[in-house]
Amino acid sequence: MDEGQPDPWVTVKALAAAQADVVSRKQLYGAGLTRWQVLAQLKARRWQRLGDQALCMHNGPVTD
């Protein structure tokens, strides 16, 4: 992480909180996460896919 740049995890957590824990891959990459960081969260089952581009930032039930 470059000095002066926000921590991507802080940015992602704030974004998720504002969107009911649903974010797009584009938003995650724009915040500074790499494809591999996203895949690691999915593989560890901390997050779950909601479609090709949407992710839920928790592994519990998804409700309306």
Protein backbone atom coordinates (compact mmCIF):
# COMPACT_ATOMS: atom_id res chain seq x y z
CA MET A 1 0.00 0.00 0.00
CA ASP A 2 1.32 3.43 -0.94
CA GLU A 3 1.59 6.09 1.72
CA GLY A 4 -1.30 8.48 1.51
CA GLN A 5 -3.54 5.84 -0.06
CA PRO A 6 -6.45 4.56 2.02
CA ASP A 7 -6.36 0.96 3.20
CA PRO A 8 -8.45 -0.96 0.64
CA TRP A 9 -10.00 -3.13 3.39
CA VAL A 10 -11.29 -0.06 5.22
CA THR A 11 -12.75 1.26 1.98
CA VAL A 12 -14.38 -2.09 1.19
CA LYS A 13 -15.90 -2.40 4.68
CA ALA A 14 -17.39 1.10 4.45
CA LEU A 15 -18.75 0.41 0.98
CA ALA A 16 -20.30 -2.88 2.08
CA ALA A 17 -21.88 -1.25 5.14
CA ALA A 18 -23.55 1.33 2.92
CA GLN A 19 -24.91 -1.35 0.54
CA ALA A 20 -26.29 -4.05 2.86
CA ASP A 21 -23.05 -6.06 2.51
CA VAL A 22 -23.46 -6.48 -1.26
CA VAL A 23 -20.71 -5.19 -3.53
CA SER A 24 -19.64 -5.67 -7.12
CA ARG A 25 -16.29 -7.01 -8.20
CA LYS A 26 -15.73 -3.70 -10.00
CA GLN A 27 -16.18 -1.84 -6.71
CA LEU A 28 -13.77 -4.18 -4.91
CA TYR A 29 -11.12 -3.80 -7.59
CA GLY A 30 -11.69 -0.03 -7.67
CA ALA A 31 -11.12 0.08 -3.89
CA GLY A 32 -7.74 -1.54 -4.41
CA LEU A 33 -8.30 -5.26 -3.79
CA THR A 34 -6.75 -7.67 -6.24
CA ARG A 35 -8.54 -10.47 -8.01
CA TRP A 36 -6.56 -12.91 -5.89
CA GLN A 37 -7.62 -11.27 -2.62
CA VAL A 38 -11.26 -11.52 -3.67
CA LEU A 39 -10.86 -15.15 -4.71
CA ALA A 40 -9.16 -15.96 -1.40
CA GLN A 41 -12.16 -14.60 0.53
CA LEU A 42 -14.54 -16.66 -1.61
CA LYS A 43 -12.44 -19.81 -1.36
CA ALA A 44 -12.26 -19.43 2.44
CA ARG A 45 -16.07 -19.05 2.39
CA ARG A 46 -15.95 -15.74 4.21
CA TRP A 47 -17.86 -14.17 1.30
CA GLN A 48 -20.33 -15.62 -1.17
CA ARG A 49 -21.17 -15.08 -4.80
CA LEU A 50 -24.58 -13.69 -5.66
CA GLY A 51 -23.94 -13.84 -9.39
CA ASP A 52 -21.10 -13.32 -11.83
CA GLN A 53 -20.29 -9.82 -10.58
CA ALA A 54 -22.07 -9.40 -7.22
CA LEU A 55 -20.68 -10.63 -3.92
CA CYS A 56 -22.08 -10.77 -0.41
CA MET A 57 -19.54 -9.83 2.23
CA HIS A 58 -20.64 -12.49 4.71
CA ASN A 59 -21.34 -16.21 4.58
CA GLY A 60 -24.73 -16.23 6.30
CA PRO A 61 -28.21 -16.35 4.78
CA VAL A 62 -29.04 -13.67 2.23
CA THR A 63 -32.39 -11.97 2.79
CA ASP A 64 -34.35 -9.26 1.00
